[in-house]
Protein backbone atom coordinates (compact mmCIF):
# COMPACT_ATOMS: atom_id res chain seq x y z
CA UNK A 1 0.00 0.00 0.00
CA UNK A 2 2.91 2.35 0.74
CA UNK A 3 4.41 1.91 -2.74
CA UNK A 4 1.10 2.80 -4.36
CA UNK A 5 0.84 6.01 -2.33
CA UNK A 6 4.38 7.01 -3.30
CA UNK A 7 3.58 6.28 -6.95
CA UNK A 8 0.41 8.40 -6.86
CA UNK A 9 2.16 11.29 -5.12
CA UNK A 10 5.07 11.13 -7.57
CA UNK A 11 2.67 11.15 -10.50
CA UNK A 12 0.79 14.13 -9.05
CA UNK A 13 3.97 16.13 -8.49
CA UNK A 14 5.37 15.36 -11.94
CA UNK A 15 2.06 16.15 -13.64
CA UNK A 16 1.64 19.40 -11.74
CA UNK A 17 5.19 20.46 -12.45
CA UNK A 18 4.78 19.70 -16.14
CA UNK A 19 1.57 21.72 -16.33
CA UNK A 20 3.22 24.67 -14.58
CA UNK A 21 6.23 24.61 -16.91
CA UNK A 22 3.95 24.37 -19.97
CA UNK A 23 1.93 27.36 -18.75
CA UNK A 24 5.06 29.45 -18.12
CA UNK A 25 6.57 28.57 -21.51
CA UNK A 26 3.31 29.42 -23.26
CA UNK A 27 3.10 32.74 -21.45
CA UNK A 28 6.67 33.67 -22.34
CA UNK A 29 6.25 32.58 -25.97
CA UNK A 30 3.05 34.61 -26.36
CA UNK A 31 3.75 37.79 -24.46
CA UNK A 32 7.55 38.10 -24.61
CA UNK A 33 8.41 36.49 -27.95
CA UNK A 34 5.25 37.61 -29.75
CA UNK A 35 4.17 34.22 -31.08
CA UNK A 36 0.48 33.78 -31.81
CA UNK A 37 -1.53 31.25 -29.84
CA UNK A 38 -2.01 29.16 -33.00
CA UNK A 39 1.74 28.86 -33.49
CA UNK A 40 2.18 27.84 -29.86
CA UNK A 41 -0.67 25.32 -30.10
CA UNK A 42 0.71 23.72 -33.27
CA UNK A 43 4.20 23.38 -31.78
CA UNK A 44 2.79 21.93 -28.57
CA UNK A 45 0.73 19.39 -30.52
CA UNK A 46 3.77 18.26 -32.50
CA UNK A 47 5.87 17.94 -29.32
CA UNK A 48 3.17 15.91 -27.55
CA UNK A 49 2.73 13.64 -30.58
CA UNK A 50 6.47 12.92 -30.65
CA UNK A 51 6.47 12.21 -26.91
CA UNK A 52 3.53 9.80 -27.22
CA UNK A 53 5.23 7.95 -30.08
CA UNK A 54 8.42 7.55 -28.05
CA UNK A 55 6.56 6.32 -24.97
CA UNK A 56 4.44 3.89 -26.99
CA UNK A 57 7.53 2.53 -28.76
CA UNK A 58 9.30 1.97 -25.45
CA UNK A 59 6.23 0.29 -23.95
CA UNK A 60 5.82 -2.08 -26.89
CA UNK A 61 9.54 -2.85 -26.93
CA UNK A 62 9.48 -3.79 -23.24
CA UNK A 63 6.44 -6.07 -23.61
CA UNK A 64 7.67 -7.89 -26.70
CA UNK A 65 11.26 -8.28 -25.60
CA UNK A 66 12.36 -11.89 -25.34
CA UNK A 67 13.28 -13.04 -21.84
CA UNK A 68 16.98 -13.72 -21.28
PDB file of N, CA and C in Angstrom:
ATOM      1  N   UNK A   1       0.820  -1.185   0.000  1.00  0.00           N
ATOM      2  CA  UNK A   1       0.000   0.000   0.000  1.00  0.00           C
ATOM      3  C   UNK A   1       0.868   1.254   0.000  1.00  0.00           C
ATOM      4  N   UNK A   2       2.018   1.205   0.665  1.00  0.00           N
ATOM      5  CA  UNK A   2       2.907   2.350   0.736  1.00  0.00           C
ATOM      6  C   UNK A   2       3.503   2.703  -0.616  1.00  0.00           C
ATOM      7  N   UNK A   3       3.855   1.669  -1.417  1.00  0.00           N
ATOM      8  CA  UNK A   3       4.410   1.907  -2.744  1.00  0.00           C
ATOM      9  C   UNK A   3       3.398   2.591  -3.648  1.00  0.00           C
ATOM     10  N   UNK A   4       2.148   2.210  -3.531  1.00  0.00           N
ATOM     11  CA  UNK A   4       1.098   2.798  -4.361  1.00  0.00           C
ATOM     12  C   UNK A   4       0.918   4.271  -4.024  1.00  0.00           C
ATOM     13  N   UNK A   5       0.970   4.617  -2.753  1.00  0.00           N
ATOM     14  CA  UNK A   5       0.839   6.013  -2.334  1.00  0.00           C
ATOM     15  C   UNK A   5       2.005   6.844  -2.862  1.00  0.00           C
ATOM     16  N   UNK A   6       3.203   6.299  -2.783  1.00  0.00           N
ATOM     17  CA  UNK A   6       4.377   7.005  -3.302  1.00  0.00           C
ATOM     18  C   UNK A   6       4.247   7.197  -4.807  1.00  0.00           C
ATOM     19  N   UNK A   7       3.768   6.181  -5.510  1.00  0.00           N
ATOM     20  CA  UNK A   7       3.583   6.279  -6.949  1.00  0.00           C
ATOM     21  C   UNK A   7       2.555   7.349  -7.312  1.00  0.00           C
ATOM     22  N   UNK A   8       1.453   7.401  -6.594  1.00  0.00           N
ATOM     23  CA  UNK A   8       0.411   8.396  -6.858  1.00  0.00           C
ATOM     24  C   UNK A   8       0.923   9.802  -6.556  1.00  0.00           C
ATOM     25  N   UNK A   9       1.617   9.966  -5.454  1.00  0.00           N
ATOM     26  CA  UNK A   9       2.163  11.286  -5.119  1.00  0.00           C
ATOM     27  C   UNK A   9       3.222  11.729  -6.130  1.00  0.00           C
ATOM     28  N   UNK A  10       4.062  10.803  -6.555  1.00  0.00           N
ATOM     29  CA  UNK A  10       5.074  11.129  -7.566  1.00  0.00           C
ATOM     30  C   UNK A  10       4.410  11.540  -8.868  1.00  0.00           C
ATOM     31  N   UNK A  11       3.399  10.812  -9.279  1.00  0.00           N
ATOM     32  CA  UNK A  11       2.674  11.145 -10.498  1.00  0.00           C
ATOM     33  C   UNK A  11       2.023  12.515 -10.394  1.00  0.00           C
ATOM     34  N   UNK A  12       1.432  12.827  -9.244  1.00  0.00           N
ATOM     35  CA  UNK A  12       0.785  14.129  -9.053  1.00  0.00           C
ATOM     36  C   UNK A  12       1.802  15.270  -9.106  1.00  0.00           C
ATOM     37  N   UNK A  13       2.940  15.087  -8.493  1.00  0.00           N
ATOM     38  CA  UNK A  13       3.968  16.131  -8.491  1.00  0.00           C
ATOM     39  C   UNK A  13       4.535  16.335  -9.891  1.00  0.00           C
ATOM     40  N   UNK A  14       4.825  15.255 -10.594  1.00  0.00           N
ATOM     41  CA  UNK A  14       5.373  15.358 -11.939  1.00  0.00           C
ATOM     42  C   UNK A  14       4.352  15.996 -12.889  1.00  0.00           C
ATOM     43  N   UNK A  15       3.101  15.594 -12.791  1.00  0.00           N
ATOM     44  CA  UNK A  15       2.064  16.154 -13.643  1.00  0.00           C
ATOM     45  C   UNK A  15       1.855  17.640 -13.357  1.00  0.00           C
ATOM     46  N   UNK A  16       1.800  17.991 -12.098  1.00  0.00           N
ATOM     47  CA  UNK A  16       1.636  19.395 -11.736  1.00  0.00           C
ATOM     48  C   UNK A  16       2.813  20.246 -12.175  1.00  0.00           C
ATOM     49  N   UNK A  17       3.999  19.725 -12.018  1.00  0.00           N
ATOM     50  CA  UNK A  17       5.194  20.460 -12.451  1.00  0.00           C
ATOM     51  C   UNK A  17       5.204  20.636 -13.967  1.00  0.00           C
ATOM     52  N   UNK A  18       4.835  19.610 -14.676  1.00  0.00           N
ATOM     53  CA  UNK A  18       4.778  19.697 -16.139  1.00  0.00           C
ATOM     54  C   UNK A  18       3.758  20.712 -16.614  1.00  0.00           C
ATOM     55  N   UNK A  19       2.600  20.747 -15.963  1.00  0.00           N
ATOM     56  CA  UNK A  19       1.574  21.721 -16.327  1.00  0.00           C
ATOM     57  C   UNK A  19       2.043  23.144 -16.039  1.00  0.00           C
ATOM     58  N   UNK A  20       2.715  23.346 -14.925  1.00  0.00           N
ATOM     59  CA  UNK A  20       3.219  24.671 -14.579  1.00  0.00           C
ATOM     60  C   UNK A  20       4.283  25.132 -15.573  1.00  0.00           C
ATOM     61  N   UNK A  21       5.189  24.261 -15.934  1.00  0.00           N
ATOM     62  CA  UNK A  21       6.229  24.605 -16.912  1.00  0.00           C
ATOM     63  C   UNK A  21       5.602  24.911 -18.269  1.00  0.00           C
ATOM     64  N   UNK A  22       4.614  24.123 -18.686  1.00  0.00           N
ATOM     65  CA  UNK A  22       3.946  24.373 -19.969  1.00  0.00           C
ATOM     66  C   UNK A  22       3.247  25.729 -19.956  1.00  0.00           C
ATOM     67  N   UNK A  23       2.608  26.072 -18.851  1.00  0.00           N
ATOM     68  CA  UNK A  23       1.933  27.361 -18.751  1.00  0.00           C
ATOM     69  C   UNK A  23       2.936  28.507 -18.830  1.00  0.00           C
ATOM     70  N   UNK A  24       4.037  28.390 -18.124  1.00  0.00           N
ATOM     71  CA  UNK A  24       5.057  29.451 -18.125  1.00  0.00           C
ATOM     72  C   UNK A  24       5.676  29.598 -19.510  1.00  0.00           C
ATOM     73  N   UNK A  25       6.004  28.492 -20.167  1.00  0.00           N
ATOM     74  CA  UNK A  25       6.573  28.567 -21.507  1.00  0.00           C
ATOM     75  C   UNK A  25       5.592  29.180 -22.503  1.00  0.00           C
ATOM     76  N   UNK A  26       4.328  28.830 -22.395  1.00  0.00           N
ATOM     77  CA  UNK A  26       3.310  29.415 -23.265  1.00  0.00           C
ATOM     78  C   UNK A  26       3.160  30.904 -23.036  1.00  0.00           C
ATOM     79  N   UNK A  27       3.202  31.315 -21.784  1.00  0.00           N
ATOM     80  CA  UNK A  27       3.095  32.736 -21.450  1.00  0.00           C
ATOM     81  C   UNK A  27       4.273  33.517 -22.026  1.00  0.00           C
ATOM     82  N   UNK A  28       5.473  33.004 -21.829  1.00  0.00           N
ATOM     83  CA  UNK A  28       6.672  33.675 -22.339  1.00  0.00           C
ATOM     84  C   UNK A  28       6.651  33.719 -23.868  1.00  0.00           C
ATOM     85  N   UNK A  29       6.273  32.609 -24.503  1.00  0.00           N
ATOM     86  CA  UNK A  29       6.248  32.581 -25.966  1.00  0.00           C
ATOM     87  C   UNK A  29       5.222  33.561 -26.523  1.00  0.00           C
ATOM     88  N   UNK A  30       4.101  33.724 -25.849  1.00  0.00           N
ATOM     89  CA  UNK A  30       3.051  34.607 -26.363  1.00  0.00           C
ATOM     90  C   UNK A  30       3.339  36.073 -26.073  1.00  0.00           C
ATOM     91  N   UNK A  31       3.633  36.388 -24.839  1.00  0.00           N
ATOM     92  CA  UNK A  31       3.752  37.793 -24.460  1.00  0.00           C
ATOM     93  C   UNK A  31       5.154  38.372 -24.654  1.00  0.00           C
ATOM     94  N   UNK A  32       6.188  37.568 -24.478  1.00  0.00           N
ATOM     95  CA  UNK A  32       7.548  38.103 -24.610  1.00  0.00           C
ATOM     96  C   UNK A  32       8.123  37.904 -26.014  1.00  0.00           C
ATOM     97  N   UNK A  33       7.857  36.765 -26.622  1.00  0.00           N
ATOM     98  CA  UNK A  33       8.411  36.493 -27.953  1.00  0.00           C
ATOM     99  C   UNK A  33       7.464  36.889 -29.075  1.00  0.00           C
ATOM    100  N   UNK A  34       6.204  37.134 -28.760  1.00  0.00           N
ATOM    101  CA  UNK A  34       5.247  37.612 -29.749  1.00  0.00           C
ATOM    102  C   UNK A  34       4.662  36.544 -30.647  1.00  0.00           C
ATOM    103  N   UNK A  35       4.759  35.278 -30.275  1.00  0.00           N
ATOM    104  CA  UNK A  35       4.168  34.215 -31.079  1.00  0.00           C
ATOM    105  C   UNK A  35       2.656  34.197 -30.880  1.00  0.00           C
ATOM    106  N   UNK A  36       1.932  33.870 -31.940  1.00  0.00           N
ATOM    107  CA  UNK A  36       0.480  33.778 -31.809  1.00  0.00           C
ATOM    108  C   UNK A  36       0.122  32.485 -31.075  1.00  0.00           C
ATOM    109  N   UNK A  37      -1.082  32.450 -30.572  1.00  0.00           N
ATOM    110  CA  UNK A  37      -1.527  31.249 -29.844  1.00  0.00           C
ATOM    111  C   UNK A  37      -1.621  30.038 -30.775  1.00  0.00           C
ATOM    112  N   UNK A  38      -1.939  30.264 -32.042  1.00  0.00           N
ATOM    113  CA  UNK A  38      -2.011  29.162 -33.005  1.00  0.00           C
ATOM    114  C   UNK A  38      -0.640  28.541 -33.212  1.00  0.00           C
ATOM    115  N   UNK A  39       0.385  29.375 -33.324  1.00  0.00           N
ATOM    116  CA  UNK A  39       1.740  28.856 -33.487  1.00  0.00           C
ATOM    117  C   UNK A  39       2.172  28.059 -32.263  1.00  0.00           C
ATOM    118  N   UNK A  40       1.837  28.546 -31.098  1.00  0.00           N
ATOM    119  CA  UNK A  40       2.180  27.840 -29.864  1.00  0.00           C
ATOM    120  C   UNK A  40       1.431  26.515 -29.793  1.00  0.00           C
ATOM    121  N   UNK A  41       0.156  26.524 -30.150  1.00  0.00           N
ATOM    122  CA  UNK A  41      -0.667  25.321 -30.098  1.00  0.00           C
ATOM    123  C   UNK A  41      -0.146  24.267 -31.069  1.00  0.00           C
ATOM    124  N   UNK A  42       0.200  24.679 -32.287  1.00  0.00           N
ATOM    125  CA  UNK A  42       0.711  23.720 -33.272  1.00  0.00           C
ATOM    126  C   UNK A  42       2.017  23.093 -32.806  1.00  0.00           C
ATOM    127  N   UNK A  43       2.922  23.900 -32.275  1.00  0.00           N
ATOM    128  CA  UNK A  43       4.198  23.381 -31.781  1.00  0.00           C
ATOM    129  C   UNK A  43       3.987  22.432 -30.606  1.00  0.00           C
ATOM    130  N   UNK A  44       3.075  22.787 -29.728  1.00  0.00           N
ATOM    131  CA  UNK A  44       2.793  21.930 -28.571  1.00  0.00           C
ATOM    132  C   UNK A  44       2.205  20.599 -29.020  1.00  0.00           C
ATOM    133  N   UNK A  45       1.328  20.635 -30.015  1.00  0.00           N
ATOM    134  CA  UNK A  45       0.731  19.393 -30.519  1.00  0.00           C
ATOM    135  C   UNK A  45       1.788  18.483 -31.123  1.00  0.00           C
ATOM    136  N   UNK A  46       2.704  19.052 -31.892  1.00  0.00           N
ATOM    137  CA  UNK A  46       3.771  18.259 -32.496  1.00  0.00           C
ATOM    138  C   UNK A  46       4.671  17.651 -31.424  1.00  0.00           C
ATOM    139  N   UNK A  47       5.008  18.435 -30.401  1.00  0.00           N
ATOM    140  CA  UNK A  47       5.869  17.938 -29.320  1.00  0.00           C
ATOM    141  C   UNK A  47       5.187  16.807 -28.555  1.00  0.00           C
ATOM    142  N   UNK A  48       3.898  16.953 -28.277  1.00  0.00           N
ATOM    143  CA  UNK A  48       3.171  15.907 -27.550  1.00  0.00           C
ATOM    144  C   UNK A  48       3.057  14.647 -28.404  1.00  0.00           C
ATOM    145  N   UNK A  49       2.823  14.803 -29.697  1.00  0.00           N
ATOM    146  CA  UNK A  49       2.727  13.639 -30.577  1.00  0.00           C
ATOM    147  C   UNK A  49       4.050  12.874 -30.599  1.00  0.00           C
ATOM    148  N   UNK A  50       5.157  13.585 -30.661  1.00  0.00           N
ATOM    149  CA  UNK A  50       6.466  12.921 -30.645  1.00  0.00           C
ATOM    150  C   UNK A  50       6.701  12.203 -29.320  1.00  0.00           C
ATOM    151  N   UNK A  51       6.316  12.825 -28.217  1.00  0.00           N
ATOM    152  CA  UNK A  51       6.474  12.206 -26.905  1.00  0.00           C
ATOM    153  C   UNK A  51       5.636  10.937 -26.791  1.00  0.00           C
ATOM    154  N   UNK A  52       4.400  10.975 -27.268  1.00  0.00           N
ATOM    155  CA  UNK A  52       3.525   9.800 -27.216  1.00  0.00           C
ATOM    156  C   UNK A  52       4.103   8.666 -28.060  1.00  0.00           C
ATOM    157  N   UNK A  53       4.631   8.986 -29.223  1.00  0.00           N
ATOM    158  CA  UNK A  53       5.233   7.954 -30.081  1.00  0.00           C
ATOM    159  C   UNK A  53       6.421   7.308 -29.378  1.00  0.00           C
ATOM    160  N   UNK A  54       7.261   8.114 -28.753  1.00  0.00           N
ATOM    161  CA  UNK A  54       8.424   7.553 -28.050  1.00  0.00           C
ATOM    162  C   UNK A  54       7.998   6.680 -26.881  1.00  0.00           C
ATOM    163  N   UNK A  55       7.022   7.124 -26.104  1.00  0.00           N
ATOM    164  CA  UNK A  55       6.556   6.317 -24.966  1.00  0.00           C
ATOM    165  C   UNK A  55       5.892   5.033 -25.425  1.00  0.00           C
ATOM    166  N   UNK A  56       5.099   5.091 -26.484  1.00  0.00           N
ATOM    167  CA  UNK A  56       4.442   3.886 -26.992  1.00  0.00           C
ATOM    168  C   UNK A  56       5.468   2.900 -27.529  1.00  0.00           C
ATOM    169  N   UNK A  57       6.477   3.398 -28.229  1.00  0.00           N
ATOM    170  CA  UNK A  57       7.528   2.529 -28.757  1.00  0.00           C
ATOM    171  C   UNK A  57       8.264   1.826 -27.620  1.00  0.00           C
ATOM    172  N   UNK A  58       8.597   2.569 -26.586  1.00  0.00           N
ATOM    173  CA  UNK A  58       9.300   1.974 -25.448  1.00  0.00           C
ATOM    174  C   UNK A  58       8.423   0.931 -24.750  1.00  0.00           C
ATOM    175  N   UNK A  59       7.139   1.227 -24.610  1.00  0.00           N
ATOM    176  CA  UNK A  59       6.229   0.291 -23.952  1.00  0.00           C
ATOM    177  C   UNK A  59       6.096  -1.006 -24.749  1.00  0.00           C
ATOM    178  N   UNK A  60       5.945  -0.883 -26.047  1.00  0.00           N
ATOM    179  CA  UNK A  60       5.824  -2.077 -26.895  1.00  0.00           C
ATOM    180  C   UNK A  60       7.122  -2.865 -26.887  1.00  0.00           C
ATOM    181  N   UNK A  61       8.242  -2.166 -26.937  1.00  0.00           N
ATOM    182  CA  UNK A  61       9.536  -2.851 -26.933  1.00  0.00           C
ATOM    183  C   UNK A  61       9.723  -3.637 -25.646  1.00  0.00           C
ATOM    184  N   UNK A  62       9.329  -3.083 -24.525  1.00  0.00           N
ATOM    185  CA  UNK A  62       9.478  -3.791 -23.241  1.00  0.00           C
ATOM    186  C   UNK A  62       8.594  -5.030 -23.176  1.00  0.00           C
ATOM    187  N   UNK A  63       7.374  -4.935 -23.690  1.00  0.00           N
ATOM    188  CA  UNK A  63       6.444  -6.068 -23.606  1.00  0.00           C
ATOM    189  C   UNK A  63       6.809  -7.183 -24.561  1.00  0.00           C
ATOM    190  N   UNK A  64       7.366  -6.876 -25.709  1.00  0.00           N
ATOM    191  CA  UNK A  64       7.665  -7.885 -26.704  1.00  0.00           C
ATOM    192  C   UNK A  64       9.102  -8.355 -26.666  1.00  0.00           C
ATOM    193  N   UNK A  65       9.864  -7.883 -25.714  1.00  0.00           N
ATOM    194  CA  UNK A  65      11.258  -8.280 -25.605  1.00  0.00           C
ATOM    195  C   UNK A  65      11.338  -9.720 -25.112  1.00  0.00           C
ATOM    196  N   UNK A  66      12.209 -10.491 -25.727  1.00  0.00           N
ATOM    197  CA  UNK A  66      12.363 -11.891 -25.343  1.00  0.00           C
ATOM    198  C   UNK A  66      13.071 -11.968 -23.999  1.00  0.00           C
ATOM    199  N   UNK A  67      12.603 -12.871 -23.130  1.00  0.00           N
ATOM    200  CA  UNK A  67      13.279 -13.040 -21.842  1.00  0.00           C
ATOM    201  C   UNK A  67      14.674 -13.631 -22.043  1.00  0.00           C
ATOM    202  N   UNK A  68      15.599 -13.236 -21.172  1.00  0.00           N
ATOM    203  CA  UNK A  68      16.981 -13.717 -21.279  1.00  0.00           C
ATOM    204  C   UNK A  68      17.164 -15.018 -20.557  1.00  0.00           C
TER     205      UNK A  68
END
